[in-house]
Amino acid sequence: MSLSAAGSGGPVQAAHRPVLALADDLSGAAETAVALRSPARILLGPVPGPVASLPGESLVLDLDSRQLPGAEAARAVRDVTHAVPDRTVLFKKVDSLLRGNLAAEAAAYARDARGVVIATALPAARRTVRGGVVHLDGVPLHEADAWRAEARPAPPSVAAALGDLPSAPVPLTDVRGAPGALREALRACFAQGRHPVCDAESGTDLDAIAAAALELGPGIRLLGTGGLAGALGRLLGTQGENTLDAGDAVRPLLIVVGTAEPSAREQVAHLLADGAHEVSLCAQELLRSPRRLAPPVAAVTVVRVTGAADPSVARRLVAVLADTVADAARDCDLVLTGGETARRVLDVLRVTDLRPVGQIHHGAVLSRTPDGRSVVTRPGSYGGADSLRRIVRALRPASVRHVPTDPTGVAP
């Protein structure tokens, strides 16, 4: 597929343009990598020196910046984007609920760009953008309860979440307009010194946005969710959908549930009904008296933190949880829910890069470590009640063996 690039003097051979994608947490990086459809590598930053990809390979860098102070998050973005080759397609993955350091990171991302095309819809999770406002199942984000664990209220619009970054709305009438109309609408925004915030309700809308952005040639960057990454993958990907390969089920499977989402309890209940073993850790006790879990002997073990914890200690709790499971996780295949949990666990295991294999369901991405272990990452807010059950059955097709005693134990 060729795209005519305004100002480039000729067609752009889409399938041969390298992609560098940035994410603020690991589950988002994995979601992006599998959406790009080309051979991809996930790097767990910071990466010393320039990042370089092999021919035909997409690079996705987890900046691990979701919980950083805004200035540090912005610096992490600038360190990667200040000297990127012109032909590289730059994509910045953002949270579909607009959480994290969106304003600071977007400003840093736009700094050396001709312009940034912004599309934060995620139709696969029923998250759309209309009138510049994110909607969850038709409910405006700021009227929903998706920010219940945040220290501040949800932004009333994408533009508000972008802070001081100058932006302009691009309505659905332009996104779905006559051929070339969207490209010209984007160009008009840039001429006014503003970055377009595009409405979108479907994958087709996102396809149009990604294509129009690429038509504008080098220097135009994309910022959006895994939905926009998927549109970019459909344009630039060199392969079809990744084929899921669960590998050899020779290791115990350890599931670490680090999300505070209410759906997690029901998801774990489905696993227990299938015979998985549960290790329940009280948040307050874990913070007071950290412990170490011994390697599991059960086929499937799920570790879950219970009890409410103050949001101000959430990051410390995740770090303690990662230390708690470190010994148990060393020789296991892993399922890690919540981007912060996934990153902290892999950090203590000294895993610095992953190769995505495929998706079990939307956002539940199976990757391989350099030593061949399977790692499934999934954002905390993704998946229905059967999410963890589907993941386990994909990795372990045989029935789970019920173990009535505590096989995990506590290491001295």
Protein backbone atom coordinates (compact mmCIF):
# COMPACT_ATOMS: atom_id res chain seq x y z
CA MET A 1 0.00 0.00 0.00
CA SER A 2 1.32 3.46 -0.91
CA LEU A 3 0.30 6.76 0.60
CA SER A 4 0.90 10.08 -1.13
CA ALA A 5 2.87 12.27 1.27
CA ALA A 6 2.29 15.98 0.98
CA GLY A 7 5.58 17.79 0.86
CA SER A 8 7.64 14.63 0.36
CA GLY A 9 7.64 14.74 -3.42
CA GLY A 10 6.27 11.25 -3.95
CA PRO A 11 4.61 8.17 -2.50
CA VAL A 12 5.57 6.77 0.87
CA GLN A 13 6.09 3.01 0.85
CA ALA A 14 4.12 2.41 4.02
CA ALA A 15 5.22 -1.15 4.73
CA HIS A 16 8.89 -0.16 4.87
CA ARG A 17 8.68 2.63 7.42
CA PRO A 18 10.12 1.71 10.84
CA VAL A 19 7.97 2.38 13.90
CA LEU A 20 9.13 3.57 17.30
CA ALA A 21 6.36 3.50 19.89
CA LEU A 22 6.44 4.83 23.45
CA ALA A 23 4.21 3.74 26.33
CA ASP A 24 3.96 4.87 29.93
CA ASP A 25 3.44 1.38 31.36
CA LEU A 26 4.20 -2.19 30.41
CA SER A 27 0.70 -3.48 29.70
CA GLY A 28 0.22 -0.55 27.31
CA ALA A 29 3.55 -1.30 25.64
CA ALA A 30 2.53 -4.92 25.09
CA GLU A 31 -0.88 -3.90 23.76
CA THR A 32 0.83 -1.55 21.31
CA ALA A 33 3.44 -4.09 20.20
CA VAL A 34 0.91 -6.75 19.28
CA ALA A 35 -1.32 -4.18 17.56
CA LEU A 36 1.47 -3.11 15.20
CA ARG A 37 1.36 -6.54 13.53
CA SER A 38 5.00 -6.47 12.46
CA PRO A 39 7.84 -8.28 14.26
CA ALA A 40 8.20 -6.24 17.42
CA ARG A 41 10.40 -5.98 20.46
CA ILE A 42 9.38 -4.47 23.79
CA LEU A 43 12.20 -2.76 25.66
CA LEU A 44 11.87 -2.04 29.35
CA GLY A 45 13.49 1.40 29.62
CA PRO A 46 15.34 3.47 30.36
CA VAL A 47 17.58 2.40 27.48
CA PRO A 48 21.12 3.80 27.51
CA GLY A 49 21.97 5.55 24.25
CA PRO A 50 19.96 5.72 21.00
CA VAL A 51 17.37 3.05 20.34
CA ALA A 52 17.77 1.21 17.04
CA SER A 53 15.63 -1.46 15.43
CA LEU A 54 16.44 -4.23 13.00
CA PRO A 55 15.05 -3.93 9.44
CA GLY A 56 11.32 -4.65 9.44
CA GLU A 57 11.11 -4.58 13.24
CA SER A 58 8.99 -2.27 15.38
CA LEU A 59 10.37 -1.10 18.70
CA VAL A 60 8.09 -0.38 21.64
CA LEU A 61 9.68 1.27 24.66
CA ASP A 62 8.05 1.12 28.09
CA LEU A 63 9.10 4.41 29.67
CA ASP A 64 7.60 3.29 33.01
CA SER A 65 6.50 6.90 33.49
CA ARG A 66 2.85 6.53 34.56
CA GLN A 67 3.65 7.20 38.22
CA LEU A 68 6.61 9.57 37.80
CA PRO A 69 6.43 13.29 38.59
CA GLY A 70 5.38 15.21 35.47
CA ALA A 71 8.79 16.78 34.83
CA GLU A 72 10.53 13.41 34.99
CA ALA A 73 7.96 11.82 32.67
CA ALA A 74 8.43 14.65 30.16
CA ARG A 75 12.20 14.23 30.31
CA ALA A 76 11.86 10.50 29.61
CA VAL A 77 9.90 11.29 26.44
CA ARG A 78 12.34 13.98 25.28
CA ASP A 79 15.34 11.70 25.82
CA VAL A 80 13.94 9.23 23.29
CA THR A 81 12.34 11.54 20.70
CA HIS A 82 14.84 14.38 20.29
CA ALA A 83 16.90 12.68 17.55
CA VAL A 84 14.70 10.19 15.68
CA PRO A 85 15.37 9.62 11.93
CA ASP A 86 12.85 11.35 9.64
CA ARG A 87 11.45 8.16 8.12
CA THR A 88 10.62 6.67 11.51
CA VAL A 89 6.93 6.69 12.39
CA LEU A 90 6.57 7.86 15.99
CA PHE A 91 3.62 6.68 18.05
CA LYS A 92 2.90 7.63 21.67
CA LYS A 93 0.56 5.23 23.43
CA VAL A 94 -1.69 6.86 26.06
CA ASP A 95 -4.19 5.47 28.53
CA SER A 96 -7.71 5.30 27.08
CA LEU A 97 -9.03 6.71 30.38
CA LEU A 98 -6.57 9.64 30.09
CA ARG A 99 -4.71 8.70 33.27
CA GLY A 100 -1.04 9.29 33.90
CA ASN A 101 1.17 12.23 32.91
CA LEU A 102 -0.71 12.92 29.70
CA ALA A 103 -0.25 16.72 29.64
CA ALA A 104 3.47 16.67 30.48
CA GLU A 105 4.29 13.81 28.14
CA ALA A 106 2.22 15.19 25.24
CA ALA A 107 3.97 18.57 25.49
CA ALA A 108 7.38 16.88 25.42
CA TYR A 109 6.31 14.63 22.54
CA ALA A 110 5.14 17.60 20.46
CA ARG A 111 8.29 19.61 21.05
CA ASP A 112 10.28 18.53 17.96
CA ALA A 113 7.33 17.58 15.76
CA ARG A 114 5.67 19.34 12.84
CA GLY A 115 2.46 18.32 14.56
CA VAL A 116 0.80 15.59 16.61
CA VAL A 117 -2.39 13.82 15.53
CA ILE A 118 -4.34 12.78 18.64
CA ALA A 119 -6.99 10.02 18.74
CA THR A 120 -7.81 8.46 22.12
CA ALA A 121 -10.78 6.26 21.22
CA LEU A 122 -10.58 2.53 21.92
CA PRO A 123 -13.62 0.96 20.24
CA ALA A 124 -12.66 -2.60 21.25
CA ALA A 125 -13.22 -1.58 24.89
CA ARG A 126 -16.32 0.50 24.06
CA ARG A 127 -14.43 3.76 24.65
CA THR A 128 -15.26 6.38 22.07
CA VAL A 129 -14.59 10.08 21.57
CA ARG A 130 -17.41 12.42 20.56
CA GLY A 131 -17.21 16.19 20.69
CA GLY A 132 -13.69 15.83 22.10
CA VAL A 133 -15.02 13.92 25.15
CA VAL A 134 -14.13 10.32 26.01
CA HIS A 135 -17.22 8.16 26.55
CA LEU A 136 -17.35 4.80 28.31
CA ASP A 137 -20.29 2.79 27.02
CA GLY A 138 -21.88 6.13 26.12
CA VAL A 139 -21.20 7.78 29.50
CA PRO A 140 -18.81 10.77 29.53
CA LEU A 141 -15.59 9.89 31.33
CA HIS A 142 -16.00 12.63 33.92
CA GLU A 143 -19.46 11.26 34.82
CA ALA A 144 -18.30 7.64 35.14
CA ASP A 145 -16.43 6.10 38.09
CA ALA A 146 -13.31 5.04 36.15
CA TRP A 147 -11.13 7.52 38.07
CA ARG A 148 -12.25 6.33 41.51
CA ALA A 149 -8.69 5.33 42.47
CA GLU A 150 -7.16 8.61 41.26
CA ALA A 151 -6.31 11.53 43.52
CA ARG A 152 -8.03 14.06 41.24
CA PRO A 153 -11.24 14.13 39.18
CA ALA A 154 -11.39 12.89 35.61
CA PRO A 155 -10.87 15.57 32.92
CA PRO A 156 -14.02 16.77 31.17
CA SER A 157 -12.41 16.48 27.71
CA VAL A 158 -9.31 15.30 25.89
CA ALA A 159 -8.27 18.94 25.42
CA ALA A 160 -8.47 19.51 29.19
CA ALA A 161 -6.33 16.41 29.80
CA LEU A 162 -3.71 17.85 27.43
CA GLY A 163 -3.24 20.88 29.68
CA ASP A 164 -1.50 23.77 27.95
CA LEU A 165 -0.84 21.93 24.71
CA PRO A 166 -2.70 23.94 22.01
CA SER A 167 -5.26 21.69 20.35
CA ALA A 168 -8.27 21.87 18.04
CA PRO A 169 -11.23 19.49 17.69
CA VAL A 170 -11.74 17.41 14.57
CA PRO A 171 -15.36 16.20 14.49
CA LEU A 172 -16.65 12.95 13.02
CA THR A 173 -17.96 14.82 9.98
CA ASP A 174 -14.34 15.56 9.02
CA VAL A 175 -13.07 12.11 10.00
CA ARG A 176 -15.72 10.51 7.78
CA GLY A 177 -15.65 13.18 5.06
CA ALA A 178 -14.77 12.99 1.39
CA PRO A 179 -11.33 11.62 0.41
CA GLY A 180 -8.68 14.15 1.33
CA ALA A 181 -10.98 16.18 3.61
CA LEU A 182 -9.53 14.78 6.82
CA ARG A 183 -5.98 15.35 5.66
CA GLU A 184 -6.79 18.98 4.91
CA ALA A 185 -8.54 19.39 8.28
CA LEU A 186 -5.41 18.15 10.02
CA ARG A 187 -3.24 20.41 7.92
CA ALA A 188 -5.43 23.41 8.82
CA CYS A 189 -4.97 22.66 12.54
CA PHE A 190 -1.21 22.59 12.16
CA ALA A 191 -1.27 25.88 10.21
CA GLN A 192 -2.93 27.46 13.26
CA GLY A 193 -0.26 26.06 15.58
CA ARG A 194 -2.69 23.53 17.06
CA HIS A 195 -2.68 19.76 17.38
CA PRO A 196 -5.85 18.00 16.15
CA VAL A 197 -7.93 15.99 18.63
CA CYS A 198 -9.97 13.59 16.50
CA ASP A 199 -13.35 12.12 17.30
CA ALA A 200 -13.67 8.41 16.59
CA GLU A 201 -16.18 5.66 17.32
CA SER A 202 -14.92 2.74 15.23
CA GLY A 203 -11.85 1.06 13.87
CA THR A 204 -12.71 2.49 10.45
CA ASP A 205 -12.55 6.01 11.92
CA LEU A 206 -9.13 5.28 13.41
CA ASP A 207 -7.93 3.80 10.10
CA ALA A 208 -8.85 7.06 8.37
CA ILE A 209 -7.05 9.13 11.01
CA ALA A 210 -3.85 7.09 10.82
CA ALA A 211 -3.83 7.16 7.01
CA ALA A 212 -4.38 10.93 6.89
CA ALA A 213 -1.58 11.49 9.41
CA LEU A 214 0.87 9.44 7.35
CA GLU A 215 -0.15 11.26 4.18
CA LEU A 216 1.14 14.49 5.71
CA GLY A 217 4.66 13.13 5.63
CA PRO A 218 7.69 13.20 7.95
CA GLY A 219 7.53 15.10 11.20
CA ILE A 220 3.90 14.25 11.95
CA ARG A 221 3.57 12.12 15.06
CA LEU A 222 0.65 10.06 16.35
CA LEU A 223 -0.65 9.95 19.91
CA GLY A 224 -3.45 7.64 20.97
CA THR A 225 -4.58 4.34 22.43
CA GLY A 226 -4.04 0.77 21.35
CA GLY A 227 -6.91 1.38 18.93
CA LEU A 228 -4.83 3.90 16.97
CA ALA A 229 -1.84 1.55 17.19
CA GLY A 230 -4.03 -1.12 15.59
CA ALA A 231 -4.92 1.26 12.75
CA LEU A 232 -1.22 1.98 12.27
CA GLY A 233 -0.53 -1.76 12.22
CA ARG A 234 -3.13 -2.29 9.52
CA LEU A 235 -1.38 0.36 7.40
CA LEU A 236 2.24 -0.48 8.10
CA GLY A 237 2.28 -4.04 9.40
CA THR A 238 4.28 -6.56 7.41
CA GLN A 239 2.37 -9.58 8.71
CA GLY A 240 -1.18 -10.58 9.47
CA GLU A 241 -2.42 -10.96 13.01
CA ASN A 242 0.08 -12.64 15.32
CA THR A 243 -0.64 -16.33 15.76
CA LEU A 244 -1.00 -17.34 19.38
CA ASP A 245 1.54 -19.96 20.44
CA ALA A 246 1.33 -20.88 24.11
CA GLY A 247 4.55 -22.89 23.97
CA ASP A 248 5.29 -25.89 26.17
CA ALA A 249 3.37 -25.96 29.44
CA VAL A 250 6.22 -27.37 31.49
CA ARG A 251 6.46 -24.72 34.19
CA PRO A 252 4.07 -23.78 36.99
CA LEU A 253 1.83 -20.84 36.09
CA LEU A 254 1.91 -17.93 38.55
CA ILE A 255 -0.76 -15.25 38.28
CA VAL A 256 -0.13 -11.98 40.10
CA VAL A 257 -3.23 -9.80 40.36
CA GLY A 258 -2.07 -6.29 41.12
CA THR A 259 -5.11 -4.34 40.04
CA ALA A 260 -7.56 -2.62 42.38
CA GLU A 261 -10.37 -3.00 39.84
CA PRO A 262 -13.55 -4.48 41.41
CA SER A 263 -13.75 -7.01 38.56
CA ALA A 264 -10.58 -8.74 39.79
CA ARG A 265 -12.40 -10.60 42.59
CA GLU A 266 -14.83 -12.21 40.19
CA GLN A 267 -12.05 -13.04 37.73
CA VAL A 268 -10.11 -14.83 40.46
CA ALA A 269 -13.25 -16.66 41.59
CA HIS A 270 -13.54 -18.27 38.15
CA LEU A 271 -9.98 -19.57 38.47
CA LEU A 272 -10.64 -21.01 41.91
CA ALA A 273 -13.71 -22.77 40.55
CA ASP A 274 -11.40 -24.42 38.00
CA GLY A 275 -9.10 -25.67 40.76
CA ALA A 276 -6.39 -23.01 40.86
CA HIS A 277 -4.74 -22.35 44.21
CA GLU A 278 -4.99 -18.88 45.77
CA VAL A 279 -2.47 -17.07 47.96
CA SER A 280 -4.21 -14.09 49.52
CA LEU A 281 -2.06 -11.28 50.91
CA CYS A 282 -3.53 -8.57 53.14
CA ALA A 283 -2.32 -5.15 51.95
CA GLN A 284 -1.83 -3.67 55.40
CA GLU A 285 0.03 -6.74 56.71
CA LEU A 286 2.20 -6.89 53.60
CA LEU A 287 3.26 -3.27 54.04
CA ARG A 288 3.99 -3.80 57.76
CA SER A 289 5.79 -7.14 57.43
CA PRO A 290 7.00 -7.98 53.91
CA ARG A 291 7.27 -11.69 53.21
CA ARG A 292 8.71 -13.96 50.53
CA LEU A 293 6.76 -16.71 48.80
CA ALA A 294 8.50 -19.97 48.00
CA PRO A 295 8.26 -21.46 44.48
CA PRO A 296 4.81 -22.95 43.85
CA VAL A 297 4.21 -26.64 43.20
CA ALA A 298 0.60 -26.24 42.05
CA ALA A 299 -0.04 -26.15 38.30
CA VAL A 300 -1.73 -22.76 38.63
CA THR A 301 -1.33 -20.37 41.56
CA VAL A 302 -2.92 -16.94 41.81
CA VAL A 303 -1.55 -14.30 44.17
CA ARG A 304 -3.91 -11.50 45.09
CA VAL A 305 -3.70 -8.53 47.44
CA THR A 306 -6.82 -7.99 49.55
CA GLY A 307 -7.97 -5.13 51.73
CA ALA A 308 -8.17 -1.46 50.81
CA ALA A 309 -4.93 0.49 50.67
CA ASP A 310 -4.55 4.26 50.67
CA PRO A 311 -3.83 5.47 47.08
CA SER A 312 -0.81 7.34 48.44
CA VAL A 313 0.94 4.02 49.20
CA ALA A 314 -0.24 2.20 46.06
CA ARG A 315 3.13 2.34 44.33
CA ARG A 316 4.97 1.14 47.43
CA LEU A 317 2.47 -1.70 47.79
CA VAL A 318 3.12 -2.85 44.23
CA ALA A 319 6.88 -2.77 44.84
CA VAL A 320 6.47 -4.86 47.99
CA LEU A 321 4.22 -7.27 46.11
CA ALA A 322 6.88 -7.70 43.42
CA ASP A 323 9.54 -8.45 46.03
CA THR A 324 7.15 -10.88 47.73
CA VAL A 325 6.66 -12.98 44.58
CA ALA A 326 10.22 -12.66 43.23
CA ASP A 327 11.50 -16.05 44.42
CA ALA A 328 8.26 -17.80 43.48
CA ALA A 329 8.25 -16.29 39.99
CA ARG A 330 11.77 -17.17 38.87
CA ASP A 331 10.97 -20.50 37.22
CA CYS A 332 7.31 -19.88 36.36
CA ASP A 333 5.33 -18.72 33.39
CA LEU A 334 3.58 -15.52 34.45
CA VAL A 335 0.25 -13.72 34.14
CA LEU A 336 0.55 -10.13 35.40
CA THR A 337 -2.46 -7.82 35.62
CA GLY A 338 -1.93 -4.07 35.88
CA GLY A 339 0.91 -2.31 34.07
CA GLU A 340 2.68 -1.19 37.26
CA THR A 341 2.54 -4.70 38.73
CA ALA A 342 3.85 -6.26 35.51
CA ARG A 343 6.78 -3.87 35.30
CA ARG A 344 7.81 -4.21 38.95
CA VAL A 345 7.71 -8.03 38.81
CA LEU A 346 9.79 -8.15 35.63
CA ASP A 347 12.21 -5.62 37.10
CA VAL A 348 12.93 -7.82 40.11
CA LEU A 349 13.41 -10.75 37.72
CA ARG A 350 15.82 -8.61 35.63
CA VAL A 351 13.81 -9.05 32.43
CA THR A 352 14.65 -6.16 30.10
CA ASP A 353 12.93 -7.09 26.84
CA LEU A 354 10.01 -9.14 25.57
CA ARG A 355 8.88 -10.51 22.22
CA PRO A 356 5.08 -10.40 21.74
CA VAL A 357 3.49 -13.58 20.44
CA GLY A 358 -0.20 -12.69 20.22
CA GLN A 359 -3.37 -11.77 22.11
CA ILE A 360 -5.55 -14.10 24.12
CA HIS A 361 -8.22 -11.43 24.24
CA HIS A 362 -8.04 -7.68 23.72
CA GLY A 363 -5.22 -6.31 25.85
CA ALA A 364 -4.17 -9.71 27.23
CA VAL A 365 -0.87 -10.05 25.39
CA LEU A 366 1.30 -13.15 25.44
CA SER A 367 5.04 -12.45 25.16
CA ARG A 368 8.24 -14.44 25.48
CA THR A 369 11.24 -13.61 27.66
CA PRO A 370 14.76 -14.15 26.28
CA ASP A 371 14.94 -17.44 28.22
CA GLY A 372 11.72 -18.69 26.62
CA ARG A 373 9.21 -18.20 29.43
CA SER A 374 5.67 -17.04 28.73
CA VAL A 375 4.50 -13.72 30.18
CA VAL A 376 0.93 -12.46 29.78
CA THR A 377 0.35 -8.79 30.59
CA ARG A 378 -3.07 -7.18 30.83
CA PRO A 379 -4.27 -3.74 31.94
CA GLY A 380 -6.18 -3.90 35.19
CA SER A 381 -9.35 -2.42 33.73
CA TYR A 382 -9.55 -4.83 30.77
CA GLY A 383 -11.44 -8.07 30.38
CA GLY A 384 -14.70 -9.51 31.57
CA ALA A 385 -15.36 -11.86 34.45
CA ASP A 386 -13.82 -14.77 32.52
CA SER A 387 -10.62 -12.92 31.52
CA LEU A 388 -8.19 -14.83 33.74
CA ARG A 389 -9.94 -18.12 33.01
CA ARG A 390 -9.50 -17.53 29.26
CA ILE A 391 -5.84 -16.70 29.76
CA VAL A 392 -5.17 -19.82 31.83
CA ARG A 393 -7.00 -22.08 29.40
CA ALA A 394 -5.00 -20.64 26.50
CA LEU A 395 -1.74 -21.33 28.33
CA ARG A 396 -2.78 -24.57 30.03
CA PRO A 397 -5.42 -26.32 27.87
CA ALA A 398 -5.53 -29.31 30.23
CA SER A 399 -7.74 -29.10 33.29
CA VAL A 400 -6.28 -27.43 36.37
CA ARG A 401 -5.42 -29.94 39.08
CA HIS A 402 -6.92 -28.98 42.43
CA VAL A 403 -4.36 -28.82 45.27
CA PRO A 404 -6.16 -28.57 48.65
CA THR A 405 -3.09 -27.64 50.72
CA ASP A 406 -0.98 -24.47 50.49
CA PRO A 407 1.71 -25.40 47.92
CA THR A 408 3.32 -21.99 47.86
CA GLY A 409 4.32 -21.67 51.46
CA VAL A 410 6.50 -18.96 52.89
CA ALA A 411 10.23 -18.94 52.42
CA PRO A 412 12.29 -18.14 55.48
